[in-house]
Amino acid sequence: MNEAEFNQIVDELMFSIEESIDNSGTEIDYENSAGMLTLTCDVNGTQIILSRQPSMGEIWLAARSGGFHFKLDGQWKNTVSGELLSTMLADACLAQSTEIVTFDF
């Protein structure tokens, strides 16, 4: 996959995450800027950050629980544990905002 294809796939992923947050009715705000999607939990101001790393073909997730790398292998999977990005992102949202968001990408 070339960089343009990677960026297109990640753009679609970020849009899907934004839609999931909008549809959930949670008190989580988001800002998409310069290849990063920043989620801010209104209850305590903590942030969850997703950033694209085109040179590595990865998405990085930074949350209070730590920093994680994901590669696309059918689905976005943690490069260490194999856990899905959708699951880890939902867990981070729950841990930091105490609200449930379901991601279906």
Foldseek 3Di string as FASTA:
>chain_A
DALVVLVVVVVVQLVLVVVLVVVQPAQWDWDQDDQKIWIAAPVPRFIWIWGDDSVVQWIWIQAPVGIFIFHDDVATATPPPRDGPQVVVQVRCCVVRVGGTGGDD
